[in-house]
Amino acid sequence: MNFGGLGYTIGGMMVFPAIKIDGLWTINQERGCTKAISDRFDYTVECIRRHYADGQSPLSDVLRRYACFFTLFRDFAGYVEFFHLQDIVDPSFTAVKFFLPFEDFETTSPIPKNRDEYLQYKATAIEFLSARNRRIQGWAVKNIKPLPPNQWVDEE
């Protein structure tokens, strides 16, 4: 599967609240349109990690606006485990595994600088998406029971 197609698998999808609060952007709108994030998922996860640690990030305002969503998971580890994001964080849930080297939001551009950086970004993102797909599939096999046949529908 190509890189673009892999982003449209379950491992490439994420759920964020979709209802605007006070007419302001949602989390997904903000992360896609904020230059310091530029729709980078690893950067978004770092912003969420900092939110749980009461730190600052380019998404601080929007994440605070949706604080009740984040309280559903209690803490960053709960969020990571619920959404099967273990492959993008370290085992102690204290650091994000960035797709490219990262120092901070002010000096590190989310856009790869050249072809080599792009290829590194692409390879690391594919590795994460593939691992998350496997993790979600493994969870589904263990936890989702097949539905009984629908007795109200004739299957011919």
N, C-alpha and C. Protein backbone atom coordinates (compact mmCIF):
# COMPACT_ATOMS: atom_id res chain seq x y z
N MET A 1 0.85 -1.17 0.00
CA MET A 1 0.00 0.00 0.00
C MET A 1 0.89 1.24 0.00
N ASN A 2 0.48 2.25 -0.76
CA ASN A 2 1.30 3.46 -0.82
C ASN A 2 1.08 4.34 0.40
N PHE A 3 1.95 5.31 0.55
CA PHE A 3 1.94 6.19 1.73
C PHE A 3 0.60 6.91 1.88
N GLY A 4 0.09 7.46 0.79
CA GLY A 4 -1.20 8.17 0.85
C GLY A 4 -2.33 7.25 1.25
N GLY A 5 -2.36 6.05 0.71
CA GLY A 5 -3.42 5.10 1.04
C GLY A 5 -3.35 4.64 2.48
N LEU A 6 -2.17 4.49 3.01
CA LEU A 6 -1.99 4.05 4.39
C LEU A 6 -2.59 5.06 5.37
N GLY A 7 -2.56 6.33 5.00
CA GLY A 7 -3.15 7.36 5.84
C GLY A 7 -4.66 7.26 5.92
N TYR A 8 -5.27 6.52 5.00
CA TYR A 8 -6.73 6.34 5.00
C TYR A 8 -7.14 4.98 5.55
N THR A 9 -6.25 4.31 6.24
CA THR A 9 -6.60 3.09 6.96
C THR A 9 -6.99 3.49 8.38
N ILE A 10 -7.47 2.55 9.17
CA ILE A 10 -7.88 2.86 10.53
C ILE A 10 -6.71 3.42 11.35
N GLY A 11 -5.50 2.94 11.09
CA GLY A 11 -4.32 3.44 11.80
C GLY A 11 -4.00 4.89 11.50
N GLY A 12 -4.50 5.39 10.39
CA GLY A 12 -4.27 6.78 10.01
C GLY A 12 -5.41 7.71 10.41
N MET A 13 -6.39 7.18 11.10
CA MET A 13 -7.55 7.99 11.51
C MET A 13 -7.50 8.30 13.00
N MET A 14 -8.10 9.40 13.36
CA MET A 14 -8.17 9.81 14.75
C MET A 14 -9.49 10.49 14.99
N VAL A 15 -10.01 10.36 16.20
CA VAL A 15 -11.28 10.97 16.58
C VAL A 15 -11.00 12.17 17.47
N PHE A 16 -11.52 13.31 17.06
CA PHE A 16 -11.49 14.52 17.87
C PHE A 16 -12.91 15.08 17.90
N PRO A 17 -13.28 15.82 18.95
CA PRO A 17 -14.60 16.43 18.97
C PRO A 17 -14.80 17.32 17.74
N ALA A 18 -16.00 17.27 17.15
CA ALA A 18 -16.25 17.99 15.90
C ALA A 18 -17.17 19.20 16.06
N ILE A 19 -17.70 19.41 17.24
CA ILE A 19 -18.61 20.54 17.44
C ILE A 19 -17.79 21.75 17.90
N LYS A 20 -17.95 22.85 17.18
CA LYS A 20 -17.23 24.07 17.55
C LYS A 20 -17.72 24.60 18.89
N ILE A 21 -16.80 25.15 19.65
CA ILE A 21 -17.13 25.80 20.91
C ILE A 21 -16.92 27.31 20.71
N ASP A 22 -17.95 28.08 21.02
CA ASP A 22 -17.90 29.54 20.86
C ASP A 22 -17.54 29.97 19.44
N GLY A 23 -17.90 29.15 18.45
CA GLY A 23 -17.63 29.48 17.06
C GLY A 23 -16.17 29.40 16.65
N LEU A 24 -15.32 28.88 17.53
CA LEU A 24 -13.88 28.80 17.25
C LEU A 24 -13.55 27.44 16.61
N TRP A 25 -12.37 27.37 16.03
CA TRP A 25 -11.94 26.14 15.37
C TRP A 25 -11.96 24.94 16.30
N THR A 26 -12.21 23.77 15.71
CA THR A 26 -12.09 22.50 16.42
C THR A 26 -10.61 22.13 16.51
N ILE A 27 -10.32 21.08 17.24
CA ILE A 27 -8.93 20.59 17.35
C ILE A 27 -8.39 20.25 15.96
N ASN A 28 -9.16 19.53 15.18
CA ASN A 28 -8.68 19.10 13.86
C ASN A 28 -8.44 20.30 12.94
N GLN A 29 -9.32 21.30 12.97
CA GLN A 29 -9.11 22.49 12.16
C GLN A 29 -7.84 23.22 12.60
N GLU A 30 -7.70 23.37 13.90
CA GLU A 30 -6.56 24.09 14.45
C GLU A 30 -5.23 23.39 14.11
N ARG A 31 -5.18 22.08 14.26
CA ARG A 31 -3.93 21.37 14.00
C ARG A 31 -3.58 21.36 12.52
N GLY A 32 -4.60 21.42 11.67
CA GLY A 32 -4.35 21.44 10.23
C GLY A 32 -3.94 22.81 9.72
N CYS A 33 -4.37 23.85 10.38
CA CYS A 33 -4.14 25.21 9.89
C CYS A 33 -3.12 26.01 10.70
N THR A 34 -2.59 25.45 11.75
CA THR A 34 -1.57 26.13 12.54
C THR A 34 -0.20 25.79 11.95
N LYS A 35 0.53 26.81 11.52
CA LYS A 35 1.81 26.60 10.84
C LYS A 35 2.80 25.77 11.63
N ALA A 36 2.82 25.92 12.94
CA ALA A 36 3.78 25.19 13.77
C ALA A 36 3.46 23.70 13.85
N ILE A 37 2.26 23.30 13.43
CA ILE A 37 1.85 21.89 13.47
C ILE A 37 1.74 21.34 12.04
N SER A 38 1.13 22.10 11.15
CA SER A 38 0.94 21.72 9.75
C SER A 38 0.41 20.31 9.56
N ASP A 39 -0.55 19.95 10.41
CA ASP A 39 -1.24 18.65 10.32
C ASP A 39 -0.34 17.46 10.66
N ARG A 40 0.80 17.70 11.26
CA ARG A 40 1.68 16.61 11.67
C ARG A 40 1.09 15.88 12.87
N PHE A 41 0.91 14.59 12.76
CA PHE A 41 0.32 13.83 13.85
C PHE A 41 1.25 13.73 15.04
N ASP A 42 2.55 13.53 14.80
CA ASP A 42 3.49 13.45 15.92
C ASP A 42 3.52 14.76 16.70
N TYR A 43 3.44 15.90 16.01
CA TYR A 43 3.40 17.19 16.70
C TYR A 43 2.10 17.34 17.50
N THR A 44 1.01 16.85 16.92
CA THR A 44 -0.28 16.91 17.62
C THR A 44 -0.23 16.09 18.90
N VAL A 45 0.35 14.90 18.83
CA VAL A 45 0.46 14.06 20.03
C VAL A 45 1.34 14.74 21.08
N GLU A 46 2.39 15.43 20.65
CA GLU A 46 3.22 16.17 21.60
C GLU A 46 2.41 17.28 22.26
N CYS A 47 1.57 17.96 21.52
CA CYS A 47 0.72 19.00 22.10
C CYS A 47 -0.23 18.40 23.13
N ILE A 48 -0.78 17.24 22.82
CA ILE A 48 -1.69 16.57 23.75
C ILE A 48 -0.93 16.10 25.00
N ARG A 49 0.27 15.58 24.80
CA ARG A 49 1.11 15.18 25.96
C ARG A 49 1.34 16.38 26.86
N ARG A 50 1.70 17.51 26.27
CA ARG A 50 1.94 18.72 27.05
C ARG A 50 0.65 19.20 27.73
N HIS A 51 -0.47 19.04 27.07
CA HIS A 51 -1.75 19.43 27.68
C HIS A 51 -1.96 18.67 28.99
N TYR A 52 -1.75 17.36 28.95
CA TYR A 52 -1.93 16.56 30.17
C TYR A 52 -0.91 16.93 31.25
N ALA A 53 0.26 17.43 30.83
CA ALA A 53 1.31 17.81 31.79
C ALA A 53 1.21 19.29 32.17
N ASP A 54 0.12 19.94 31.79
CA ASP A 54 -0.08 21.38 32.04
C ASP A 54 1.02 22.23 31.41
N GLY A 55 1.54 21.77 30.27
CA GLY A 55 2.55 22.53 29.54
C GLY A 55 1.93 23.35 28.42
N GLN A 56 2.75 24.11 27.74
CA GLN A 56 2.31 24.97 26.64
C GLN A 56 2.68 24.37 25.30
N SER A 57 1.84 24.64 24.30
CA SER A 57 2.09 24.22 22.92
C SER A 57 1.30 25.12 21.99
N PRO A 58 1.53 25.03 20.69
CA PRO A 58 0.74 25.83 19.75
C PRO A 58 -0.76 25.50 19.78
N LEU A 59 -1.13 24.36 20.35
CA LEU A 59 -2.54 23.98 20.42
C LEU A 59 -3.13 24.15 21.83
N SER A 60 -2.41 24.80 22.71
CA SER A 60 -2.87 24.92 24.10
C SER A 60 -4.29 25.47 24.21
N ASP A 61 -4.59 26.54 23.50
CA ASP A 61 -5.92 27.16 23.63
C ASP A 61 -7.03 26.21 23.21
N VAL A 62 -6.87 25.58 22.06
CA VAL A 62 -7.93 24.69 21.58
C VAL A 62 -8.03 23.44 22.45
N LEU A 63 -6.94 22.92 22.94
CA LEU A 63 -6.99 21.74 23.80
C LEU A 63 -7.66 22.08 25.13
N ARG A 64 -7.41 23.26 25.66
CA ARG A 64 -8.10 23.69 26.89
C ARG A 64 -9.60 23.85 26.65
N ARG A 65 -9.95 24.34 25.46
CA ARG A 65 -11.36 24.51 25.12
C ARG A 65 -12.09 23.16 25.16
N TYR A 66 -11.40 22.11 24.79
CA TYR A 66 -11.99 20.77 24.76
C TYR A 66 -11.51 19.91 25.94
N ALA A 67 -11.19 20.55 27.04
CA ALA A 67 -10.64 19.85 28.21
C ALA A 67 -11.54 18.71 28.67
N CYS A 68 -12.86 18.87 28.59
CA CYS A 68 -13.74 17.80 29.08
C CYS A 68 -13.58 16.53 28.24
N PHE A 69 -13.24 16.65 26.97
CA PHE A 69 -12.94 15.47 26.14
C PHE A 69 -11.73 14.75 26.71
N PHE A 70 -10.68 15.49 27.04
CA PHE A 70 -9.44 14.87 27.51
C PHE A 70 -9.57 14.28 28.92
N THR A 71 -10.49 14.82 29.72
CA THR A 71 -10.68 14.24 31.05
C THR A 71 -11.27 12.84 30.98
N LEU A 72 -11.91 12.49 29.87
CA LEU A 72 -12.46 11.14 29.71
C LEU A 72 -11.38 10.07 29.86
N PHE A 73 -10.14 10.40 29.55
CA PHE A 73 -9.05 9.43 29.53
C PHE A 73 -8.15 9.54 30.76
N ARG A 74 -8.46 10.43 31.67
CA ARG A 74 -7.76 10.69 32.93
C ARG A 74 -6.38 11.30 32.76
N ASP A 75 -5.53 10.65 31.97
CA ASP A 75 -4.16 11.13 31.81
C ASP A 75 -3.65 10.74 30.43
N PHE A 76 -2.43 11.16 30.13
CA PHE A 76 -1.87 10.91 28.81
C PHE A 76 -1.76 9.41 28.52
N ALA A 77 -1.36 8.62 29.50
CA ALA A 77 -1.26 7.17 29.29
C ALA A 77 -2.63 6.60 28.95
N GLY A 78 -3.68 7.06 29.62
CA GLY A 78 -5.03 6.59 29.31
C GLY A 78 -5.45 6.97 27.91
N TYR A 79 -5.09 8.17 27.48
CA TYR A 79 -5.39 8.63 26.12
C TYR A 79 -4.66 7.76 25.10
N VAL A 80 -3.37 7.56 25.33
CA VAL A 80 -2.56 6.75 24.42
C VAL A 80 -3.11 5.33 24.32
N GLU A 81 -3.42 4.73 25.45
CA GLU A 81 -3.92 3.36 25.44
C GLU A 81 -5.29 3.26 24.77
N PHE A 82 -6.17 4.21 25.03
CA PHE A 82 -7.51 4.17 24.44
C PHE A 82 -7.43 4.24 22.92
N PHE A 83 -6.57 5.11 22.40
CA PHE A 83 -6.48 5.30 20.95
C PHE A 83 -5.37 4.47 20.30
N HIS A 84 -4.77 3.55 21.04
CA HIS A 84 -3.74 2.64 20.49
C HIS A 84 -2.57 3.42 19.88
N LEU A 85 -2.04 4.36 20.63
CA LEU A 85 -0.95 5.20 20.16
C LEU A 85 0.40 4.83 20.78
N GLN A 86 0.52 3.64 21.34
CA GLN A 86 1.74 3.25 22.03
C GLN A 86 2.98 3.31 21.14
N ASP A 87 2.82 3.17 19.84
CA ASP A 87 3.97 3.14 18.94
C ASP A 87 4.52 4.52 18.61
N ILE A 88 3.89 5.58 19.12
CA ILE A 88 4.39 6.93 18.87
C ILE A 88 4.91 7.58 20.16
N VAL A 89 4.90 6.82 21.26
CA VAL A 89 5.42 7.34 22.53
C VAL A 89 6.38 6.33 23.14
N ASP A 90 7.20 6.80 24.08
CA ASP A 90 8.10 5.88 24.77
C ASP A 90 7.29 5.04 25.77
N PRO A 91 7.86 3.94 26.26
CA PRO A 91 7.12 3.04 27.16
C PRO A 91 6.62 3.69 28.45
N SER A 92 7.26 4.78 28.88
CA SER A 92 6.82 5.44 30.11
C SER A 92 5.79 6.55 29.86
N PHE A 93 5.39 6.72 28.60
CA PHE A 93 4.40 7.74 28.21
C PHE A 93 4.87 9.16 28.50
N THR A 94 6.18 9.38 28.54
CA THR A 94 6.70 10.71 28.87
C THR A 94 7.30 11.45 27.68
N ALA A 95 7.44 10.76 26.55
CA ALA A 95 8.04 11.41 25.38
C ALA A 95 7.43 10.86 24.10
N VAL A 96 7.29 11.75 23.12
CA VAL A 96 6.78 11.37 21.80
C VAL A 96 7.96 10.94 20.93
N LYS A 97 7.75 9.92 20.13
CA LYS A 97 8.74 9.49 19.14
C LYS A 97 8.42 10.25 17.84
N PHE A 98 9.16 11.31 17.60
CA PHE A 98 8.90 12.16 16.44
C PHE A 98 9.33 11.49 15.15
N PHE A 99 8.67 11.84 14.07
CA PHE A 99 8.99 11.27 12.76
C PHE A 99 10.29 11.85 12.20
N LEU A 100 10.68 13.03 12.66
CA LEU A 100 11.95 13.67 12.33
C LEU A 100 12.50 14.27 13.62
N PRO A 101 13.79 14.56 13.68
CA PRO A 101 14.33 15.19 14.89
C PRO A 101 13.53 16.45 15.25
N PHE A 102 13.29 16.62 16.55
CA PHE A 102 12.47 17.73 17.06
C PHE A 102 13.16 18.36 18.26
N GLU A 103 13.24 19.69 18.25
CA GLU A 103 13.77 20.41 19.41
C GLU A 103 12.65 21.15 20.13
N ASP A 104 11.95 22.00 19.40
CA ASP A 104 10.81 22.71 19.96
C ASP A 104 9.96 23.27 18.82
N PHE A 105 8.79 23.78 19.16
CA PHE A 105 7.87 24.27 18.13
C PHE A 105 8.34 25.56 17.47
N GLU A 106 9.17 26.32 18.15
CA GLU A 106 9.61 27.60 17.60
C GLU A 106 10.73 27.44 16.57
N THR A 107 11.61 26.46 16.76
CA THR A 107 12.78 26.35 15.88
C THR A 107 12.73 25.15 14.93
N THR A 108 11.85 24.19 15.18
CA THR A 108 11.80 23.00 14.33
C THR A 108 10.58 23.10 13.41
N SER A 109 10.83 23.15 12.12
CA SER A 109 9.74 23.23 11.15
C SER A 109 9.07 21.86 11.01
N PRO A 110 7.74 21.84 10.92
CA PRO A 110 7.06 20.57 10.68
C PRO A 110 7.22 20.07 9.24
N ILE A 111 7.66 20.95 8.36
CA ILE A 111 7.82 20.60 6.94
C ILE A 111 9.25 20.12 6.70
N PRO A 112 9.41 18.92 6.14
CA PRO A 112 10.78 18.45 5.83
C PRO A 112 11.52 19.45 4.94
N LYS A 113 12.81 19.65 5.23
CA LYS A 113 13.61 20.66 4.53
C LYS A 113 14.05 20.23 3.13
N ASN A 114 14.19 18.93 2.93
CA ASN A 114 14.72 18.46 1.66
C ASN A 114 14.22 17.03 1.39
N ARG A 115 14.66 16.48 0.29
CA ARG A 115 14.22 15.14 -0.12
C ARG A 115 14.57 14.08 0.92
N ASP A 116 15.79 14.12 1.44
CA ASP A 116 16.21 13.12 2.41
C ASP A 116 15.37 13.18 3.68
N GLU A 117 15.08 14.40 4.15
CA GLU A 117 14.22 14.54 5.34
C GLU A 117 12.82 14.01 5.04
N TYR A 118 12.32 14.32 3.84
CA TYR A 118 10.98 13.84 3.48
C TYR A 118 10.95 12.31 3.48
N LEU A 119 11.97 11.69 2.89
CA LEU A 119 12.01 10.23 2.84
C LEU A 119 12.12 9.62 4.24
N GLN A 120 12.87 10.27 5.13
CA GLN A 120 12.95 9.81 6.52
C GLN A 120 11.58 9.95 7.19
N TYR A 121 10.93 11.11 7.00
CA TYR A 121 9.60 11.35 7.56
C TYR A 121 8.63 10.28 7.06
N LYS A 122 8.64 10.05 5.77
CA LYS A 122 7.72 9.09 5.15
C LYS A 122 7.95 7.69 5.72
N ALA A 123 9.19 7.26 5.81
CA ALA A 123 9.50 5.92 6.33
C ALA A 123 9.06 5.77 7.78
N THR A 124 9.31 6.78 8.59
CA THR A 124 8.94 6.72 10.01
C THR A 124 7.42 6.76 10.17
N ALA A 125 6.75 7.59 9.39
CA ALA A 125 5.29 7.65 9.44
C ALA A 125 4.67 6.32 9.01
N ILE A 126 5.20 5.71 7.95
CA ILE A 126 4.71 4.40 7.49
C ILE A 126 4.91 3.36 8.58
N GLU A 127 6.05 3.39 9.23
CA GLU A 127 6.33 2.45 10.33
C GLU A 127 5.29 2.60 11.45
N PHE A 128 5.01 3.85 11.84
CA PHE A 128 4.01 4.10 12.88
C PHE A 128 2.62 3.64 12.44
N LEU A 129 2.20 4.05 11.25
CA LEU A 129 0.85 3.69 10.77
C LEU A 129 0.68 2.19 10.67
N SER A 130 1.68 1.50 10.17
CA SER A 130 1.62 0.04 10.07
C SER A 130 1.53 -0.61 11.44
N ALA A 131 2.33 -0.12 12.38
CA ALA A 131 2.31 -0.66 13.75
C ALA A 131 0.97 -0.40 14.41
N ARG A 132 0.41 0.79 14.20
CA ARG A 132 -0.88 1.10 14.81
C ARG A 132 -1.99 0.25 14.19
N ASN A 133 -1.94 0.04 12.89
CA ASN A 133 -2.92 -0.84 12.25
C ASN A 133 -2.85 -2.24 12.84
N ARG A 134 -1.64 -2.76 13.03
CA ARG A 134 -1.50 -4.10 13.63
C ARG A 134 -2.02 -4.12 15.06
N ARG A 135 -1.73 -3.07 15.81
CA ARG A 135 -2.17 -2.99 17.21
C ARG A 135 -3.70 -2.96 17.29
N ILE A 136 -4.33 -2.16 16.44
CA ILE A 136 -5.79 -2.06 16.44
C ILE A 136 -6.41 -3.38 15.99
N GLN A 137 -5.82 -4.01 14.98
CA GLN A 137 -6.33 -5.30 14.52
C GLN A 137 -6.22 -6.35 15.62
N GLY A 138 -5.10 -6.39 16.32
CA GLY A 138 -4.92 -7.34 17.41
C GLY A 138 -5.95 -7.12 18.51
N TRP A 139 -6.22 -5.85 18.83
CA TRP A 139 -7.23 -5.54 19.86
C TRP A 139 -8.61 -6.00 19.38
N ALA A 140 -8.92 -5.73 18.11
CA ALA A 140 -10.24 -6.08 17.58
C ALA A 140 -10.45 -7.59 17.58
N VAL A 141 -9.44 -8.35 17.20
CA VAL A 141 -9.56 -9.81 17.19
C VAL A 141 -9.85 -10.34 18.59
N LYS A 142 -9.22 -9.76 19.60
CA LYS A 142 -9.42 -10.21 20.98
C LYS A 142 -10.74 -9.74 21.58
N ASN A 143 -11.22 -8.57 21.17
CA ASN A 143 -12.30 -7.92 21.91
C ASN A 143 -13.64 -7.77 21.20
N ILE A 144 -13.66 -7.92 19.90
CA ILE A 144 -14.93 -7.73 19.19
C ILE A 144 -15.48 -9.08 18.78
N LYS A 145 -16.65 -9.38 19.29
CA LYS A 145 -17.32 -10.65 19.00
C LYS A 145 -18.17 -10.49 17.75
N PRO A 146 -18.21 -11.51 16.90
CA PRO A 146 -19.04 -11.41 15.69
C PRO A 146 -20.51 -11.25 16.07
N LEU A 147 -21.24 -10.49 15.28
CA LEU A 147 -22.66 -10.33 15.51
C LEU A 147 -23.40 -11.59 15.09
N PRO A 148 -24.49 -11.92 15.79
CA PRO A 148 -25.29 -13.07 15.35
C PRO A 148 -25.97 -12.72 14.03
N PRO A 149 -26.38 -13.73 13.26
CA PRO A 149 -27.07 -13.43 12.00
C PRO A 149 -28.32 -12.58 12.28
N ASN A 150 -28.60 -11.68 11.39
CA ASN A 150 -29.76 -10.81 11.56
C ASN A 150 -31.03 -11.59 11.23
N GLN A 151 -31.86 -11.82 12.24
CA GLN A 151 -33.05 -12.63 12.03
C GLN A 151 -34.14 -11.88 11.29
N TRP A 152 -34.00 -10.59 11.12
CA TRP A 152 -35.05 -9.80 10.49
C TRP A 152 -34.79 -9.57 8.99
N VAL A 153 -33.62 -10.01 8.51
CA VAL A 153 -33.29 -9.79 7.11
C VAL A 153 -33.10 -11.13 6.42
N ASP A 154 -33.78 -11.28 5.29
CA ASP A 154 -33.58 -12.48 4.49
C ASP A 154 -32.27 -12.36 3.75
N GLU A 155 -31.41 -13.34 3.92
CA GLU A 155 -30.13 -13.35 3.21
C GLU A 155 -30.20 -14.39 2.12
N GLU A 156 -30.32 -13.92 0.91
CA GLU A 156 -30.44 -14.86 -0.23
C GLU A 156 -29.17 -14.92 -1.01
